[in-house]
Amino acid sequence: MEVSDPPRVAVLDFPFPWSAGAPLPTLLQDENHTFLLFLTTEDDHGIGLVEFERCFATSFGSPGDETFHGHPLYSAGLRRYEAMEVFNSPWIAQLQKIDSVHPRHHPSTYADLRHFVFAFHDTTFECVAAGFTATRTDGPLSDVVKRVAERLL
């Protein structure tokens, strides 16, 4: 996938908000599964659980809200405290370019991949995946993390 148009970021129609103060985003991942968990309410009992499908790559950490304007996609529409999708993603183009040296590389592998960004208070999560499912469950967060971690083993 060659990216000729500049990247553009759009806010997703996400089914529930997360806590703006301290959502405690938690990433659980192995080679085949990627789960993002976070507080949806201030009282530690509403937990958002996002499971990504065919996740190719993730980034978890910087920037936080104080340096968010330094993110390379900020001028393309990236917003704080939102779930977003990047169109014309330079990251997907970079992943495909890296993979292109493989003798069995086929561009169609990347045709249905999407670049998602979840911007929390102190942490930004990004991934390239085919899609995701989002559910809300009751916590506390530590119990939900334990249940999801068991799915990885």
N, C-alpha and C. Protein backbone atom coordinates (compact mmCIF):
# COMPACT_ATOMS: atom_id res chain seq x y z
N MET A 1 0.84 -1.18 0.00
CA MET A 1 0.00 0.00 0.00
C MET A 1 0.88 1.23 0.00
N GLU A 2 0.84 1.99 -1.04
CA GLU A 2 1.54 3.26 -1.08
C GLU A 2 0.59 4.34 -0.59
N VAL A 3 1.07 5.18 0.28
CA VAL A 3 0.25 6.26 0.81
C VAL A 3 0.60 7.52 0.05
N SER A 4 -0.28 7.94 -0.84
CA SER A 4 -0.03 9.15 -1.60
C SER A 4 -0.74 10.35 -0.98
N ASP A 5 -1.89 10.11 -0.38
CA ASP A 5 -2.60 11.18 0.29
C ASP A 5 -2.10 11.31 1.73
N PRO A 6 -2.19 12.49 2.30
CA PRO A 6 -1.74 12.65 3.68
C PRO A 6 -2.67 11.87 4.63
N PRO A 7 -2.15 11.50 5.80
CA PRO A 7 -3.01 10.80 6.76
C PRO A 7 -4.13 11.70 7.24
N ARG A 8 -5.22 11.06 7.60
CA ARG A 8 -6.39 11.77 8.15
C ARG A 8 -6.91 10.94 9.31
N VAL A 9 -7.26 11.61 10.40
CA VAL A 9 -7.74 10.93 11.60
C VAL A 9 -9.21 11.26 11.80
N ALA A 10 -10.01 10.22 12.10
CA ALA A 10 -11.44 10.40 12.36
C ALA A 10 -11.78 9.75 13.69
N VAL A 11 -12.64 10.40 14.45
CA VAL A 11 -13.10 9.84 15.72
C VAL A 11 -14.06 8.70 15.42
N LEU A 12 -13.86 7.58 16.10
CA LEU A 12 -14.72 6.41 15.94
C LEU A 12 -16.01 6.58 16.73
N ASP A 13 -17.05 5.93 16.27
CA ASP A 13 -18.29 5.86 17.02
C ASP A 13 -18.12 4.73 18.04
N PHE A 14 -17.42 5.03 19.13
CA PHE A 14 -17.07 4.03 20.13
C PHE A 14 -18.23 3.89 21.12
N PRO A 15 -18.55 2.67 21.57
CA PRO A 15 -19.78 2.45 22.35
C PRO A 15 -19.82 3.02 23.76
N PHE A 16 -18.67 3.38 24.34
CA PHE A 16 -18.70 3.94 25.69
C PHE A 16 -17.43 4.75 25.93
N PRO A 17 -17.52 5.79 26.76
CA PRO A 17 -16.33 6.59 27.06
C PRO A 17 -15.50 5.93 28.16
N TRP A 18 -14.28 6.42 28.33
CA TRP A 18 -13.46 5.96 29.44
C TRP A 18 -13.27 7.11 30.41
N SER A 19 -12.82 6.76 31.59
CA SER A 19 -12.55 7.75 32.61
C SER A 19 -11.50 8.74 32.09
N ALA A 20 -11.79 10.02 32.20
CA ALA A 20 -10.85 11.03 31.73
C ALA A 20 -9.68 11.22 32.68
N GLY A 21 -9.90 10.98 33.97
CA GLY A 21 -8.85 11.23 34.95
C GLY A 21 -7.75 10.20 34.95
N ALA A 22 -8.07 8.99 35.35
CA ALA A 22 -7.07 7.92 35.45
C ALA A 22 -7.71 6.61 35.00
N PRO A 23 -7.80 6.38 33.68
CA PRO A 23 -8.48 5.19 33.19
C PRO A 23 -7.66 3.91 33.32
N LEU A 24 -6.39 4.03 33.72
CA LEU A 24 -5.51 2.87 33.93
C LEU A 24 -5.51 1.90 32.74
N PRO A 25 -5.22 2.39 31.54
CA PRO A 25 -5.21 1.47 30.40
C PRO A 25 -4.21 0.35 30.62
N THR A 26 -4.64 -0.85 30.26
CA THR A 26 -3.84 -2.05 30.46
C THR A 26 -3.83 -2.84 29.16
N LEU A 27 -2.66 -3.22 28.71
CA LEU A 27 -2.52 -3.97 27.47
C LEU A 27 -2.07 -5.38 27.79
N LEU A 28 -2.81 -6.37 27.30
CA LEU A 28 -2.44 -7.78 27.41
C LEU A 28 -2.34 -8.31 26.00
N GLN A 29 -1.20 -8.95 25.68
CA GLN A 29 -0.96 -9.32 24.29
C GLN A 29 -0.04 -10.53 24.21
N ASP A 30 -0.33 -11.41 23.26
CA ASP A 30 0.62 -12.43 22.85
C ASP A 30 0.64 -12.42 21.33
N GLU A 31 1.22 -13.42 20.69
CA GLU A 31 1.33 -13.40 19.22
C GLU A 31 -0.02 -13.42 18.51
N ASN A 32 -1.04 -13.95 19.17
CA ASN A 32 -2.33 -14.15 18.50
C ASN A 32 -3.48 -13.33 19.07
N HIS A 33 -3.28 -12.69 20.20
CA HIS A 33 -4.37 -11.98 20.86
C HIS A 33 -3.89 -10.63 21.38
N THR A 34 -4.74 -9.63 21.27
CA THR A 34 -4.44 -8.31 21.81
C THR A 34 -5.69 -7.78 22.50
N PHE A 35 -5.56 -7.45 23.78
CA PHE A 35 -6.66 -6.93 24.58
C PHE A 35 -6.24 -5.61 25.21
N LEU A 36 -7.12 -4.63 25.14
CA LEU A 36 -6.92 -3.34 25.80
C LEU A 36 -8.05 -3.19 26.82
N LEU A 37 -7.69 -2.94 28.07
CA LEU A 37 -8.67 -2.77 29.14
C LEU A 37 -8.49 -1.40 29.76
N PHE A 38 -9.56 -0.82 30.29
CA PHE A 38 -9.49 0.49 30.92
C PHE A 38 -10.75 0.74 31.74
N LEU A 39 -10.64 1.68 32.67
CA LEU A 39 -11.79 2.07 33.49
C LEU A 39 -12.72 2.95 32.67
N THR A 40 -14.00 2.65 32.73
CA THR A 40 -14.98 3.51 32.05
C THR A 40 -15.60 4.50 33.02
N THR A 41 -15.43 4.26 34.31
CA THR A 41 -15.97 5.16 35.34
C THR A 41 -14.91 5.41 36.39
N GLU A 42 -15.14 6.39 37.22
CA GLU A 42 -14.17 6.75 38.25
C GLU A 42 -14.14 5.76 39.40
N ASP A 43 -15.12 4.88 39.53
CA ASP A 43 -15.22 4.03 40.73
C ASP A 43 -14.60 2.65 40.58
N ASP A 44 -13.87 2.37 39.50
CA ASP A 44 -13.15 1.11 39.31
C ASP A 44 -14.07 -0.08 39.06
N HIS A 45 -15.34 0.16 38.72
CA HIS A 45 -16.24 -0.98 38.50
C HIS A 45 -16.71 -1.12 37.06
N GLY A 46 -16.64 -0.07 36.28
CA GLY A 46 -16.96 -0.18 34.86
C GLY A 46 -15.68 -0.37 34.08
N ILE A 47 -15.56 -1.50 33.39
CA ILE A 47 -14.33 -1.83 32.69
C ILE A 47 -14.61 -1.97 31.19
N GLY A 48 -13.85 -1.25 30.38
CA GLY A 48 -13.92 -1.43 28.93
C GLY A 48 -12.93 -2.50 28.52
N LEU A 49 -13.37 -3.39 27.66
CA LEU A 49 -12.52 -4.47 27.16
C LEU A 49 -12.60 -4.44 25.64
N VAL A 50 -11.46 -4.20 24.99
CA VAL A 50 -11.39 -4.16 23.54
C VAL A 50 -10.49 -5.30 23.08
N GLU A 51 -11.03 -6.16 22.23
CA GLU A 51 -10.25 -7.25 21.66
C GLU A 51 -10.02 -6.95 20.19
N PHE A 52 -8.76 -6.91 19.79
CA PHE A 52 -8.41 -6.57 18.42
C PHE A 52 -8.26 -7.84 17.59
N GLU A 53 -8.72 -7.76 16.35
CA GLU A 53 -8.68 -8.90 15.42
C GLU A 53 -7.48 -8.76 14.49
N ARG A 54 -6.73 -9.83 14.35
CA ARG A 54 -5.54 -9.86 13.48
C ARG A 54 -4.65 -8.65 13.72
N CYS A 55 -4.23 -8.48 14.93
CA CYS A 55 -3.39 -7.34 15.29
C CYS A 55 -1.97 -7.58 14.77
N PHE A 56 -1.46 -6.66 13.98
CA PHE A 56 -0.13 -6.76 13.39
C PHE A 56 0.93 -6.05 14.20
N ALA A 57 0.57 -4.94 14.84
CA ALA A 57 1.57 -4.15 15.56
C ALA A 57 0.87 -3.27 16.59
N THR A 58 1.58 -3.00 17.69
CA THR A 58 1.02 -2.13 18.73
C THR A 58 2.09 -1.14 19.22
N SER A 59 1.61 -0.04 19.76
CA SER A 59 2.45 0.94 20.45
C SER A 59 1.67 1.37 21.68
N PHE A 60 2.33 1.38 22.84
CA PHE A 60 1.65 1.67 24.09
C PHE A 60 2.57 2.51 24.96
N GLY A 61 2.17 3.74 25.23
CA GLY A 61 2.99 4.62 26.06
C GLY A 61 2.80 6.07 25.68
N SER A 62 3.89 6.73 25.35
CA SER A 62 3.89 8.14 25.00
C SER A 62 3.15 8.36 23.69
N PRO A 63 2.51 9.50 23.53
CA PRO A 63 2.48 10.65 24.41
C PRO A 63 1.30 10.62 25.39
N GLY A 64 1.46 11.36 26.48
CA GLY A 64 0.37 11.64 27.40
C GLY A 64 -0.29 12.94 27.00
N ASP A 65 -1.26 13.37 27.77
CA ASP A 65 -2.02 14.56 27.35
C ASP A 65 -1.18 15.84 27.32
N GLU A 66 -0.12 15.94 28.12
CA GLU A 66 0.69 17.15 28.14
C GLU A 66 1.61 17.28 26.93
N THR A 67 1.90 16.17 26.25
CA THR A 67 2.76 16.21 25.06
C THR A 67 2.04 15.69 23.82
N PHE A 68 0.73 15.56 23.92
CA PHE A 68 -0.06 14.98 22.84
C PHE A 68 0.10 15.75 21.53
N HIS A 69 0.23 17.06 21.62
CA HIS A 69 0.37 17.89 20.42
C HIS A 69 1.67 17.61 19.67
N GLY A 70 2.59 16.83 20.27
CA GLY A 70 3.82 16.45 19.59
C GLY A 70 3.69 15.17 18.78
N HIS A 71 2.56 14.50 18.86
CA HIS A 71 2.35 13.27 18.08
C HIS A 71 2.36 13.61 16.59
N PRO A 72 3.00 12.78 15.76
CA PRO A 72 3.08 13.08 14.32
C PRO A 72 1.71 13.21 13.64
N LEU A 73 0.67 12.61 14.21
CA LEU A 73 -0.66 12.68 13.59
C LEU A 73 -1.54 13.77 14.19
N TYR A 74 -1.00 14.56 15.09
CA TYR A 74 -1.80 15.60 15.74
C TYR A 74 -2.38 16.57 14.71
N SER A 75 -1.58 16.99 13.76
CA SER A 75 -2.07 17.94 12.75
C SER A 75 -3.05 17.29 11.77
N ALA A 76 -3.14 15.96 11.79
CA ALA A 76 -4.08 15.25 10.91
C ALA A 76 -5.43 15.04 11.57
N GLY A 77 -5.58 15.53 12.81
CA GLY A 77 -6.88 15.44 13.48
C GLY A 77 -6.91 14.59 14.74
N LEU A 78 -5.78 14.12 15.20
CA LEU A 78 -5.73 13.32 16.42
C LEU A 78 -6.24 14.14 17.60
N ARG A 79 -7.10 13.53 18.43
CA ARG A 79 -7.69 14.24 19.56
C ARG A 79 -7.46 13.46 20.85
N ARG A 80 -7.40 14.18 21.94
CA ARG A 80 -7.24 13.56 23.26
C ARG A 80 -8.53 12.86 23.68
N TYR A 81 -8.38 11.81 24.49
CA TYR A 81 -9.50 11.13 25.17
C TYR A 81 -10.54 10.57 24.20
N GLU A 82 -10.10 10.12 23.04
CA GLU A 82 -11.02 9.57 22.04
C GLU A 82 -10.47 8.28 21.46
N ALA A 83 -11.38 7.48 20.88
CA ALA A 83 -11.00 6.34 20.06
C ALA A 83 -11.05 6.82 18.62
N MET A 84 -9.97 6.60 17.87
CA MET A 84 -9.86 7.17 16.53
C MET A 84 -9.32 6.15 15.54
N GLU A 85 -9.51 6.45 14.26
CA GLU A 85 -8.93 5.65 13.19
C GLU A 85 -8.15 6.56 12.26
N VAL A 86 -6.99 6.06 11.83
CA VAL A 86 -6.13 6.82 10.92
C VAL A 86 -6.32 6.26 9.52
N PHE A 87 -6.70 7.12 8.60
CA PHE A 87 -6.82 6.74 7.19
C PHE A 87 -5.56 7.20 6.46
N ASN A 88 -5.18 6.47 5.42
CA ASN A 88 -3.91 6.72 4.72
C ASN A 88 -2.75 6.64 5.71
N SER A 89 -2.76 5.59 6.50
CA SER A 89 -1.81 5.44 7.60
C SER A 89 -0.38 5.24 7.12
N PRO A 90 0.53 6.11 7.54
CA PRO A 90 1.93 5.89 7.21
C PRO A 90 2.50 4.66 7.93
N TRP A 91 1.93 4.30 9.07
CA TRP A 91 2.41 3.13 9.80
C TRP A 91 2.11 1.85 9.03
N ILE A 92 0.88 1.75 8.49
CA ILE A 92 0.54 0.57 7.69
C ILE A 92 1.44 0.50 6.45
N ALA A 93 1.67 1.64 5.81
CA ALA A 93 2.55 1.67 4.63
C ALA A 93 3.96 1.22 5.02
N GLN A 94 4.44 1.64 6.17
CA GLN A 94 5.77 1.25 6.63
C GLN A 94 5.83 -0.26 6.90
N LEU A 95 4.79 -0.82 7.54
CA LEU A 95 4.76 -2.26 7.80
C LEU A 95 4.76 -3.06 6.51
N GLN A 96 4.00 -2.59 5.53
CA GLN A 96 3.96 -3.29 4.25
C GLN A 96 5.32 -3.21 3.55
N LYS A 97 5.97 -2.07 3.62
CA LYS A 97 7.28 -1.92 3.00
C LYS A 97 8.29 -2.87 3.63
N ILE A 98 8.25 -2.98 4.95
CA ILE A 98 9.14 -3.90 5.64
C ILE A 98 8.89 -5.33 5.18
N ASP A 99 7.61 -5.70 5.09
CA ASP A 99 7.23 -7.06 4.71
C ASP A 99 7.51 -7.37 3.24
N SER A 100 7.64 -6.34 2.43
CA SER A 100 7.79 -6.54 0.98
C SER A 100 9.05 -7.29 0.60
N VAL A 101 10.03 -7.39 1.48
CA VAL A 101 11.25 -8.13 1.16
C VAL A 101 11.05 -9.64 1.29
N HIS A 102 9.94 -10.05 1.86
CA HIS A 102 9.66 -11.49 2.01
C HIS A 102 9.29 -12.07 0.64
N PRO A 103 9.83 -13.25 0.29
CA PRO A 103 9.55 -13.82 -1.04
C PRO A 103 8.06 -14.10 -1.29
N ARG A 104 7.29 -14.33 -0.22
CA ARG A 104 5.85 -14.60 -0.41
C ARG A 104 4.98 -13.41 0.00
N HIS A 105 5.58 -12.24 0.02
CA HIS A 105 4.82 -11.03 0.35
C HIS A 105 3.70 -10.83 -0.66
N HIS A 106 2.54 -10.46 -0.15
CA HIS A 106 1.44 -10.11 -1.04
C HIS A 106 0.72 -8.90 -0.46
N PRO A 107 0.59 -7.83 -1.23
CA PRO A 107 -0.04 -6.60 -0.73
C PRO A 107 -1.45 -6.80 -0.18
N SER A 108 -2.16 -7.82 -0.65
CA SER A 108 -3.53 -8.04 -0.18
C SER A 108 -3.58 -8.35 1.32
N THR A 109 -2.47 -8.79 1.88
CA THR A 109 -2.40 -9.06 3.32
C THR A 109 -2.74 -7.80 4.11
N TYR A 110 -2.45 -6.65 3.55
CA TYR A 110 -2.63 -5.38 4.24
C TYR A 110 -3.91 -4.65 3.84
N ALA A 111 -4.66 -5.20 2.92
CA ALA A 111 -5.82 -4.50 2.37
C ALA A 111 -6.89 -4.19 3.41
N ASP A 112 -7.09 -5.08 4.37
CA ASP A 112 -8.17 -4.86 5.34
C ASP A 112 -7.67 -4.36 6.69
N LEU A 113 -6.39 -4.01 6.79
CA LEU A 113 -5.86 -3.54 8.06
C LEU A 113 -6.21 -2.08 8.30
N ARG A 114 -6.41 -1.77 9.58
CA ARG A 114 -6.80 -0.42 10.00
C ARG A 114 -5.86 0.04 11.12
N HIS A 115 -5.66 1.32 11.20
CA HIS A 115 -4.79 1.91 12.22
C HIS A 115 -5.69 2.60 13.25
N PHE A 116 -5.68 2.08 14.48
CA PHE A 116 -6.52 2.62 15.56
C PHE A 116 -5.65 3.35 16.58
N VAL A 117 -6.22 4.40 17.18
CA VAL A 117 -5.55 5.14 18.24
C VAL A 117 -6.56 5.36 19.37
N PHE A 118 -6.14 5.01 20.59
CA PHE A 118 -6.94 5.26 21.79
C PHE A 118 -6.11 6.18 22.67
N ALA A 119 -6.54 7.43 22.80
CA ALA A 119 -5.77 8.44 23.53
C ALA A 119 -6.33 8.60 24.95
N PHE A 120 -5.57 8.12 25.91
CA PHE A 120 -5.96 8.21 27.32
C PHE A 120 -5.25 9.41 27.95
N HIS A 121 -5.40 9.58 29.25
CA HIS A 121 -4.83 10.73 29.93
C HIS A 121 -3.30 10.74 29.87
N ASP A 122 -2.67 9.67 30.33
CA ASP A 122 -1.21 9.63 30.38
C ASP A 122 -0.59 8.68 29.37
N THR A 123 -1.40 7.99 28.60
CA THR A 123 -0.92 6.94 27.72
C THR A 123 -1.70 6.97 26.41
N THR A 124 -1.01 6.68 25.32
CA THR A 124 -1.66 6.51 24.03
C THR A 124 -1.41 5.08 23.56
N PHE A 125 -2.48 4.43 23.13
CA PHE A 125 -2.38 3.09 22.56
C PHE A 125 -2.69 3.19 21.08
N GLU A 126 -1.82 2.59 20.25
CA GLU A 126 -2.06 2.52 18.82
C GLU A 126 -1.87 1.09 18.37
N CYS A 127 -2.64 0.69 17.38
CA CYS A 127 -2.42 -0.63 16.81
C CYS A 127 -2.87 -0.65 15.35
N VAL A 128 -2.31 -1.61 14.64
CA VAL A 128 -2.73 -1.93 13.28
C VAL A 128 -3.37 -3.30 13.37
N ALA A 129 -4.65 -3.35 13.03
CA ALA A 129 -5.43 -4.59 13.16
C ALA A 129 -6.55 -4.58 12.13
N ALA A 130 -7.19 -5.73 11.97
CA ALA A 130 -8.30 -5.83 11.03
C ALA A 130 -9.57 -5.22 11.59
N GLY A 131 -9.69 -5.16 12.89
CA GLY A 131 -10.88 -4.60 13.52
C GLY A 131 -10.84 -4.88 15.01
N PHE A 132 -11.96 -4.61 15.68
CA PHE A 132 -12.02 -4.87 17.11
C PHE A 132 -13.47 -5.06 17.54
N THR A 133 -13.62 -5.67 18.70
CA THR A 133 -14.91 -5.72 19.38
C THR A 133 -14.71 -5.08 20.74
N ALA A 134 -15.68 -4.29 21.16
CA ALA A 134 -15.59 -3.60 22.44
C ALA A 134 -16.79 -3.98 23.29
N THR A 135 -16.50 -4.37 24.52
CA THR A 135 -17.56 -4.70 25.47
C THR A 135 -17.28 -3.99 26.77
N ARG A 136 -18.32 -3.79 27.54
CA ARG A 136 -18.18 -3.20 28.87
C ARG A 136 -18.57 -4.26 29.87
N THR A 137 -17.77 -4.40 30.90
CA THR A 137 -18.04 -5.39 31.94
C THR A 137 -17.84 -4.73 33.30
N ASP A 138 -18.19 -5.45 34.34
CA ASP A 138 -18.00 -4.93 35.69
C ASP A 138 -16.67 -5.41 36.25
N GLY A 139 -16.04 -4.58 37.06
CA GLY A 139 -14.72 -4.83 37.62
C GLY A 139 -14.79 -5.40 39.01
N PRO A 140 -13.75 -5.26 39.76
CA PRO A 140 -12.65 -4.31 39.56
C PRO A 140 -11.70 -4.71 38.43
N LEU A 141 -10.92 -3.73 38.00
CA LEU A 141 -10.01 -3.92 36.87
C LEU A 141 -9.08 -5.10 37.09
N SER A 142 -8.55 -5.25 38.29
CA SER A 142 -7.60 -6.34 38.56
C SER A 142 -8.22 -7.71 38.30
N ASP A 143 -9.49 -7.87 38.64
CA ASP A 143 -10.17 -9.15 38.40
C ASP A 143 -10.37 -9.40 36.91
N VAL A 144 -10.74 -8.38 36.18
CA VAL A 144 -10.97 -8.52 34.74
C VAL A 144 -9.64 -8.82 34.04
N VAL A 145 -8.57 -8.16 34.45
CA VAL A 145 -7.25 -8.42 33.87
C VAL A 145 -6.87 -9.88 34.09
N LYS A 146 -7.11 -10.41 35.28
CA LYS A 146 -6.79 -11.82 35.56
C LYS A 146 -7.59 -12.76 34.65
N ARG A 147 -8.87 -12.46 34.47
CA ARG A 147 -9.71 -13.31 33.60
C ARG A 147 -9.22 -13.28 32.15
N VAL A 148 -8.87 -12.09 31.67
CA VAL A 148 -8.38 -11.97 30.29
C VAL A 148 -7.02 -12.63 30.14
N ALA A 149 -6.15 -12.47 31.13
CA ALA A 149 -4.82 -13.08 31.08
C ALA A 149 -4.93 -14.60 30.97
N GLU A 150 -5.91 -15.19 31.62
CA GLU A 150 -6.11 -16.65 31.51
C GLU A 150 -6.44 -17.07 30.08
N ARG A 151 -7.05 -16.20 29.33
CA ARG A 151 -7.37 -16.50 27.93
C ARG A 151 -6.11 -16.56 27.07
N LEU A 152 -5.05 -15.89 27.52
CA LEU A 152 -3.80 -15.89 26.76
C LEU A 152 -2.98 -17.16 26.98
N LEU A 153 -3.22 -17.81 28.07
CA LEU A 153 -2.39 -18.99 28.43
C LEU A 153 -2.96 -20.29 27.92
